[in-house]
């Protein structure tokens, strides 16, 4: 006996969208392990509601879950603990140059507020329109625009500072 049609659709959606949601989550939180946890929890919650979500809005619904999880997690998260050993890099597919680029991006993004990081990830990585980002975050379009503007200015300043640093 095979899977029900809705479950096959869910699996197809997971396969197609999990990498992009993982990337978005990483840009929001700056940590691959936390990004994995956020995406996993997103898909668990999506699975529970899958049959009630209209197919044309499922991507937006998944992003909303992810964004809400990220923003609520940051309010209640425990502080990181320093350990003697570095953890393994997740994925194993990135080249050292790609990992270095991600780490630099994570450093730059860490200077932004949580909301600004979420807006940057949703607007400029996921390429969502202002109206959709506003709806996802439950804020006014003008707030999205002003946060975007401040975030981009902060990113420009941080990137310029990185470029001015001497390389080894």
Protein backbone atom coordinates (compact mmCIF):
# COMPACT_ATOMS: atom_id res chain seq x y z
CA UNK A 1 0.00 0.00 0.00
CA UNK A 2 1.47 3.37 -1.06
CA UNK A 3 1.41 6.77 0.52
CA UNK A 4 -1.69 8.92 0.39
CA UNK A 5 -1.54 11.64 -2.29
CA UNK A 6 -1.23 14.43 0.29
CA UNK A 7 1.76 12.74 1.91
CA UNK A 8 3.52 12.36 -1.45
CA UNK A 9 2.89 16.06 -2.10
CA UNK A 10 4.38 16.87 1.30
CA UNK A 11 7.50 14.79 0.58
CA UNK A 12 7.90 16.47 -2.82
CA UNK A 13 7.58 19.89 -1.20
CA UNK A 14 10.13 18.95 1.45
CA UNK A 15 12.65 17.74 -1.12
CA UNK A 16 12.18 20.85 -3.26
CA UNK A 17 12.11 23.52 -0.55
CA UNK A 18 14.16 22.27 2.43
CA UNK A 19 17.53 23.52 1.09
CA UNK A 20 16.20 27.03 0.43
CA UNK A 21 14.47 27.20 3.81
CA UNK A 22 17.68 25.99 5.46
CA UNK A 23 19.63 28.77 3.74
CA UNK A 24 17.06 31.35 4.82
CA UNK A 25 17.12 30.05 8.38
CA UNK A 26 20.93 30.22 8.42
CA UNK A 27 20.87 33.81 7.23
CA UNK A 28 18.42 34.62 9.98
CA UNK A 29 20.24 32.91 12.85
CA UNK A 30 23.86 32.61 11.66
CA UNK A 31 24.26 29.03 12.90
CA UNK A 32 23.86 25.92 10.74
CA UNK A 33 22.78 23.69 13.63
CA UNK A 34 20.10 26.11 14.77
CA UNK A 35 19.04 26.57 11.14
CA UNK A 36 18.61 22.79 10.83
CA UNK A 37 16.54 22.75 14.02
CA UNK A 38 14.37 25.62 12.80
CA UNK A 39 13.76 23.96 9.44
CA UNK A 40 13.06 20.59 11.02
CA UNK A 41 10.52 22.14 13.39
CA UNK A 42 9.03 24.09 10.48
CA UNK A 43 8.45 20.90 8.52
CA UNK A 44 7.01 19.08 11.53
CA UNK A 45 4.48 21.88 12.04
CA UNK A 46 3.78 22.04 8.32
CA UNK A 47 3.15 18.28 8.25
CA UNK A 48 0.53 18.59 10.99
CA UNK A 49 -1.37 21.23 8.98
CA UNK A 50 -0.54 20.01 5.48
CA UNK A 51 -4.02 18.90 4.44
CA UNK A 52 -5.52 22.26 5.48
CA UNK A 53 -2.96 24.47 3.72
CA UNK A 54 -3.89 25.53 0.19
CA UNK A 55 -1.22 24.41 -2.25
CA UNK A 56 -0.81 27.88 -3.75
CA UNK A 57 0.09 29.31 -0.32
CA UNK A 58 2.16 26.48 1.14
CA UNK A 59 5.50 28.20 0.49
CA UNK A 60 4.36 31.37 2.25
CA UNK A 61 2.94 29.29 5.11
CA UNK A 62 6.27 27.47 5.55
CA UNK A 63 8.18 30.78 5.55
CA UNK A 64 5.79 32.18 8.14
CA UNK A 65 6.33 29.19 10.40
CA UNK A 66 10.11 29.48 9.99
CA UNK A 67 10.15 33.22 10.63
CA UNK A 68 7.90 32.94 13.69
CA UNK A 69 10.05 30.13 15.08
CA UNK A 70 13.20 32.19 14.57
CA UNK A 71 11.79 35.33 16.17
CA UNK A 72 10.25 33.48 19.13
CA UNK A 73 13.38 31.35 19.62
CA UNK A 74 15.54 34.43 19.89
CA UNK A 75 13.35 35.76 22.68
CA UNK A 76 13.61 32.57 24.71
CA UNK A 77 16.96 31.10 23.61
CA UNK A 78 19.59 30.05 26.08
CA UNK A 79 23.01 31.57 25.65
CA UNK A 80 25.66 29.65 23.75
CA UNK A 81 28.35 27.92 25.73
CA UNK A 82 32.02 27.95 24.88
CA UNK A 83 33.56 24.50 24.36
CA UNK A 84 37.14 23.33 24.06
CA UNK A 85 36.59 21.70 20.66
CA UNK A 86 35.15 23.19 17.51
CA UNK A 87 32.10 21.40 16.12
CA UNK A 88 32.21 19.80 12.71
CA UNK A 89 31.04 21.94 9.83
CA UNK A 90 27.57 20.84 8.74
CA UNK A 91 26.72 19.58 5.31
CA UNK A 92 30.14 18.56 4.10
CA UNK A 93 29.37 19.86 0.62
CA UNK A 94 30.82 23.34 0.81
CA UNK A 95 34.34 24.09 -0.35
CA UNK A 96 36.67 25.94 2.06
CA UNK A 97 36.15 29.12 0.04
CA UNK A 98 32.37 28.78 0.31
CA UNK A 99 32.60 28.13 4.04
CA UNK A 100 34.80 31.21 4.44
CA UNK A 101 32.29 33.27 2.50
CA UNK A 102 29.41 32.00 4.64
CA UNK A 103 31.35 32.75 7.82
CA UNK A 104 32.08 36.30 6.66
CA UNK A 105 28.43 36.76 5.75
CA UNK A 106 27.40 35.39 9.14
CA UNK A 107 29.73 37.87 10.86
CA UNK A 108 28.26 40.77 8.93
CA UNK A 109 24.66 39.62 9.49
CA UNK A 110 25.24 39.13 13.22
CA UNK A 111 25.52 42.92 13.57
CA UNK A 112 21.87 43.30 12.50
CA UNK A 113 18.85 42.97 14.76
CA UNK A 114 16.84 39.76 14.51
CA UNK A 115 14.05 41.49 12.62
CA UNK A 116 16.52 43.11 10.20
CA UNK A 117 18.15 39.72 9.52
CA UNK A 118 14.76 38.15 8.88
CA UNK A 119 13.85 40.97 6.50
CA UNK A 120 17.17 40.75 4.63
CA UNK A 121 16.82 36.97 4.26
CA UNK A 122 13.21 37.15 3.09
CA UNK A 123 13.57 40.23 0.84
CA UNK A 124 16.96 39.79 -0.76
CA UNK A 125 17.65 36.06 -0.61
CA UNK A 126 14.15 34.64 -1.00
CA UNK A 127 13.28 37.63 -3.23
CA UNK A 128 9.89 38.27 -1.63
CA UNK A 129 8.05 41.55 -2.25
CA UNK A 130 7.74 44.07 0.57
CA UNK A 131 4.03 43.32 1.02
CA UNK A 132 4.64 39.61 1.55
CA UNK A 133 7.48 40.21 4.03
CA UNK A 134 5.25 42.64 5.93
CA UNK A 135 2.50 40.05 6.06
CA UNK A 136 4.88 37.29 7.17
CA UNK A 137 6.28 39.41 10.00
CA UNK A 138 2.98 41.03 10.92
CA UNK A 139 4.32 44.57 10.44
CA UNK A 140 3.57 47.51 8.15
CA UNK A 141 5.15 47.74 4.69
CA UNK A 142 6.79 51.02 5.71
CA UNK A 143 8.45 49.23 8.63
CA UNK A 144 9.83 46.61 6.25
CA UNK A 145 11.20 49.37 4.03
CA UNK A 146 12.80 51.31 6.88
CA UNK A 147 14.32 48.18 8.44
CA UNK A 148 15.58 47.12 5.00
CA UNK A 149 17.18 50.49 4.47
CA UNK A 150 18.89 50.47 7.90
CA UNK A 151 20.00 46.86 7.45
CA UNK A 152 21.48 47.49 4.01
CA UNK A 153 23.33 50.54 5.32
CA UNK A 154 24.72 48.50 8.22
CA UNK A 155 25.73 45.71 5.82
CA UNK A 156 27.47 48.19 3.50
CA UNK A 157 29.40 49.67 6.42
CA UNK A 158 30.42 46.24 7.73
CA UNK A 159 31.44 45.00 4.28
CA UNK A 160 33.47 48.14 3.63
CA UNK A 161 35.25 47.62 6.94
CA UNK A 162 36.01 43.99 5.96
CA UNK A 163 37.43 45.13 2.62
CA UNK A 164 39.68 47.68 4.32
CA UNK A 165 41.19 45.06 6.67
CA UNK A 166 44.56 43.75 5.51
CA UNK A 167 44.54 40.13 4.36
CA UNK A 168 46.98 37.60 5.73
